[in-house]
Amino acid sequence: MTLTEKILQHVKGLPDLLQEEVLDFVEYLESKVGKRKQAEGKTDWSTISLSYAMRGMENEHTPYTLNDLKETFS
């Protein structure tokens, strides 16, 4: 018996209300997987774009010091 068949067997034994909950959960998992795939694709492009935009900048002189980055409150 395959995993899908086992899941179907268990779901068929549940009342309709619980089957609806199972369906909701399955749809949630599907959307979660879809969002993860989209995020992975976007991450790849953003990393490539950022590295392309920043290339050669590691050797540039900056006019700012560490003190310029500190924020003071009075």
Foldseek 3Di string as FASTA:
>chain_A
DDPVVVVVVVLVPDPPVVVVVVVVVVVVVVVVVVVVVVVVVVVVVVVVVVCVVCPPVVPDDDPDDPVVVDDDDD
